[in-house]
C-alpha atoms as a PDB file:
ATOM      1  CA  UNK A   1      43.961  41.092  31.744  1.00  0.00           C
ATOM      2  CA  UNK A   2      41.143  41.530  29.211  1.00  0.00           C
ATOM      3  CA  UNK A   3      41.238  45.076  29.946  1.00  0.00           C
ATOM      4  CA  UNK A   4      45.179  45.005  29.088  1.00  0.00           C
ATOM      5  CA  UNK A   5      45.241  42.865  25.742  1.00  0.00           C
ATOM      6  CA  UNK A   6      41.814  44.916  24.472  1.00  0.00           C
ATOM      7  CA  UNK A   7      44.365  47.985  25.407  1.00  0.00           C
ATOM      8  CA  UNK A   8      46.745  46.651  23.388  1.00  0.00           C
ATOM      9  CA  UNK A   9      44.463  45.777  20.865  1.00  0.00           C
ATOM     10  CA  UNK A  10      43.203  49.694  21.008  1.00  0.00           C
ATOM     11  CA  UNK A  11      46.945  50.779  20.667  1.00  0.00           C
ATOM     12  CA  UNK A  12      47.941  48.294  17.571  1.00  0.00           C
ATOM     13  CA  UNK A  13      45.323  49.376  15.489  1.00  0.00           C
ATOM     14  CA  UNK A  14      46.244  52.890  16.233  1.00  0.00           C
ATOM     15  CA  UNK A  15      49.731  52.655  15.252  1.00  0.00           C
ATOM     16  CA  UNK A  16      48.386  50.917  12.346  1.00  0.00           C
ATOM     17  CA  UNK A  17      46.213  53.771  11.359  1.00  0.00           C
ATOM     18  CA  UNK A  18      48.785  55.992  11.660  1.00  0.00           C
ATOM     19  CA  UNK A  19      51.558  54.252   9.652  1.00  0.00           C
ATOM     20  CA  UNK A  20      49.489  54.504   6.550  1.00  0.00           C
ATOM     21  CA  UNK A  21      48.038  57.729   7.137  1.00  0.00           C
ATOM     22  CA  UNK A  22      51.015  58.537   6.675  1.00  0.00           C
ATOM     23  CA  UNK A  23      52.756  56.125   3.978  1.00  0.00           C
ATOM     24  CA  UNK A  24      49.749  56.555   1.563  1.00  0.00           C
ATOM     25  CA  UNK A  25      50.480  60.729   2.186  1.00  0.00           C
ATOM     26  CA  UNK A  26      53.952  60.525   1.843  1.00  0.00           C
ATOM     27  CA  UNK A  27      54.054  58.219  -1.138  1.00  0.00           C
ATOM     28  CA  UNK A  28      50.473  60.018  -3.352  1.00  0.00           C
ATOM     29  CA  UNK A  29      50.719  62.923  -1.698  1.00  0.00           C
ATOM     30  CA  UNK A  30      53.850  64.456  -0.666  1.00  0.00           C
ATOM     31  CA  UNK A  31      52.633  67.216   1.219  1.00  0.00           C
ATOM     32  CA  UNK A  32      52.426  67.652   5.410  1.00  0.00           C
ATOM     33  CA  UNK A  33      49.842  66.188   7.213  1.00  0.00           C
ATOM     34  CA  UNK A  34      47.599  68.992   8.592  1.00  0.00           C
ATOM     35  CA  UNK A  35      45.875  68.322  12.082  1.00  0.00           C
ATOM     36  CA  UNK A  36      42.390  69.154  11.210  1.00  0.00           C
ATOM     37  CA  UNK A  37      39.210  67.222  11.150  1.00  0.00           C
ATOM     38  CA  UNK A  38      39.947  64.998   8.228  1.00  0.00           C
ATOM     39  CA  UNK A  39      42.603  63.591   9.842  1.00  0.00           C
ATOM     40  CA  UNK A  40      41.352  62.803  13.066  1.00  0.00           C
ATOM     41  CA  UNK A  41      37.869  61.603  11.688  1.00  0.00           C
ATOM     42  CA  UNK A  42      40.357  59.646   9.061  1.00  0.00           C
ATOM     43  CA  UNK A  43      42.156  57.674  11.982  1.00  0.00           C
ATOM     44  CA  UNK A  44      39.376  57.287  13.741  1.00  0.00           C
ATOM     45  CA  UNK A  45      37.709  55.309  10.982  1.00  0.00           C
ATOM     46  CA  UNK A  46      40.592  53.164   9.773  1.00  0.00           C
ATOM     47  CA  UNK A  47      41.549  53.223  14.074  1.00  0.00           C
ATOM     48  CA  UNK A  48      37.851  51.004  14.491  1.00  0.00           C
ATOM     49  CA  UNK A  49      38.394  49.512  10.836  1.00  0.00           C
ATOM     50  CA  UNK A  50      42.197  47.965  11.564  1.00  0.00           C
ATOM     51  CA  UNK A  51      40.940  46.568  15.453  1.00  0.00           C
ATOM     52  CA  UNK A  52      38.317  44.620  13.630  1.00  0.00           C
ATOM     53  CA  UNK A  53      40.624  43.758  11.586  1.00  0.00           C
ATOM     54  CA  UNK A  54      43.596  42.658  13.902  1.00  0.00           C
ATOM     55  CA  UNK A  55      40.257  40.641  15.641  1.00  0.00           C
ATOM     56  CA  UNK A  56      40.135  38.818  12.236  1.00  0.00           C
ATOM     57  CA  UNK A  57      43.469  38.705  11.854  1.00  0.00           C
ATOM     58  CA  UNK A  58      43.785  36.006  15.067  1.00  0.00           C
ATOM     59  CA  UNK A  59      40.698  34.020  14.287  1.00  0.00           C
ATOM     60  CA  UNK A  60      41.947  33.351  10.601  1.00  0.00           C
ATOM     61  CA  UNK A  61      44.658  34.655   8.925  1.00  0.00           C
ATOM     62  CA  UNK A  62      43.168  34.660   5.413  1.00  0.00           C
ATOM     63  CA  UNK A  63      40.378  37.007   6.863  1.00  0.00           C
ATOM     64  CA  UNK A  64      42.555  39.426   8.491  1.00  0.00           C
ATOM     65  CA  UNK A  65      44.473  39.195   5.168  1.00  0.00           C
ATOM     66  CA  UNK A  66      41.718  40.299   3.142  1.00  0.00           C
ATOM     67  CA  UNK A  67      40.124  42.560   5.851  1.00  0.00           C
ATOM     68  CA  UNK A  68      43.993  44.618   5.471  1.00  0.00           C
ATOM     69  CA  UNK A  69      43.318  44.686   1.838  1.00  0.00           C
ATOM     70  CA  UNK A  70      39.872  45.688   1.651  1.00  0.00           C
ATOM     71  CA  UNK A  71      41.308  48.627   3.825  1.00  0.00           C
ATOM     72  CA  UNK A  72      43.133  49.963   1.130  1.00  0.00           C
ATOM     73  CA  UNK A  73      39.823  50.500  -0.477  1.00  0.00           C
ATOM     74  CA  UNK A  74      39.112  53.632   1.562  1.00  0.00           C
ATOM     75  CA  UNK A  75      41.930  55.514   0.817  1.00  0.00           C
ATOM     76  CA  UNK A  76      41.339  58.192  -2.975  1.00  0.00           C
ATOM     77  CA  UNK A  77      44.727  57.758  -2.981  1.00  0.00           C
ATOM     78  CA  UNK A  78      46.039  55.102  -4.151  1.00  0.00           C
ATOM     79  CA  UNK A  79      42.843  54.204  -6.673  1.00  0.00           C
ATOM     80  CA  UNK A  80      42.946  57.437  -8.545  1.00  0.00           C
ATOM     81  CA  UNK A  81      40.547  56.042 -11.192  1.00  0.00           C
ATOM     82  CA  UNK A  82      37.752  54.261  -8.360  1.00  0.00           C
ATOM     83  CA  UNK A  83      37.737  58.229  -5.902  1.00  0.00           C
ATOM     84  CA  UNK A  84      34.412  57.110  -4.169  1.00  0.00           C
ATOM     85  CA  UNK A  85      33.827  53.830  -6.144  1.00  0.00           C
ATOM     86  CA  UNK A  86      35.802  51.404  -4.163  1.00  0.00           C
ATOM     87  CA  UNK A  87      34.655  52.451  -0.402  1.00  0.00           C
ATOM     88  CA  UNK A  88      31.463  50.338   0.020  1.00  0.00           C
ATOM     89  CA  UNK A  89      33.516  46.743  -1.198  1.00  0.00           C
ATOM     90  CA  UNK A  90      34.715  47.999   2.168  1.00  0.00           C
ATOM     91  CA  UNK A  91      32.425  48.490   4.575  1.00  0.00           C
ATOM     92  CA  UNK A  92      30.429  45.162   2.751  1.00  0.00           C
ATOM     93  CA  UNK A  93      33.282  43.010   3.535  1.00  0.00           C
ATOM     94  CA  UNK A  94      33.784  44.216   6.893  1.00  0.00           C
ATOM     95  CA  UNK A  95      29.531  43.829   7.040  1.00  0.00           C
ATOM     96  CA  UNK A  96      30.232  40.424   5.901  1.00  0.00           C
ATOM     97  CA  UNK A  97      32.869  39.733   8.344  1.00  0.00           C
ATOM     98  CA  UNK A  98      30.884  41.062  11.202  1.00  0.00           C
ATOM     99  CA  UNK A  99      27.623  39.552  10.463  1.00  0.00           C
ATOM    100  CA  UNK A 100      29.168  35.740   9.956  1.00  0.00           C
ATOM    101  CA  UNK A 101      31.054  35.801  13.065  1.00  0.00           C
ATOM    102  CA  UNK A 102      28.423  37.268  15.347  1.00  0.00           C
ATOM    103  CA  UNK A 103      25.680  34.582  13.944  1.00  0.00           C
ATOM    104  CA  UNK A 104      28.317  32.424  14.486  1.00  0.00           C
ATOM    105  CA  UNK A 105      28.441  33.154  18.297  1.00  0.00           C
ATOM    106  CA  UNK A 106      25.055  33.149  18.576  1.00  0.00           C
ATOM    107  CA  UNK A 107      24.349  29.859  17.165  1.00  0.00           C
ATOM    108  CA  UNK A 108      27.113  28.494  19.915  1.00  0.00           C
ATOM    109  CA  UNK A 109      24.799  30.610  21.917  1.00  0.00           C
ATOM    110  CA  UNK A 110      21.722  28.790  21.142  1.00  0.00           C
ATOM    111  CA  UNK A 111      23.328  25.216  21.101  1.00  0.00           C
ATOM    112  CA  UNK A 112      24.519  25.343  24.203  1.00  0.00           C
ATOM    113  CA  UNK A 113      21.341  26.349  25.778  1.00  0.00           C
ATOM    114  CA  UNK A 114      19.269  23.157  24.753  1.00  0.00           C
END
């Protein structure tokens, strides 16, 4: 059962990342998408971050929305004035979420072992 749930989350993350990549490309660039290594690297990064954001959305709706909003900072086409300056914000937000989640989990494990 757990394997099916994770597979469903992975498929949702892939679909969200494909929609995001295509949507940004259609709205801001207008060109065709070429299947090269840059596309697959972007797909992997967006899918991983979308998977984590979906997990955050299940835990808390506001946290999930913040994580999804921070994914938009990765695309230089959306914010052309800040090209290359906003992606660290995304990684810091995701690192904060993951360390908070890990800290809570370790605290609960420590507290139950007493």
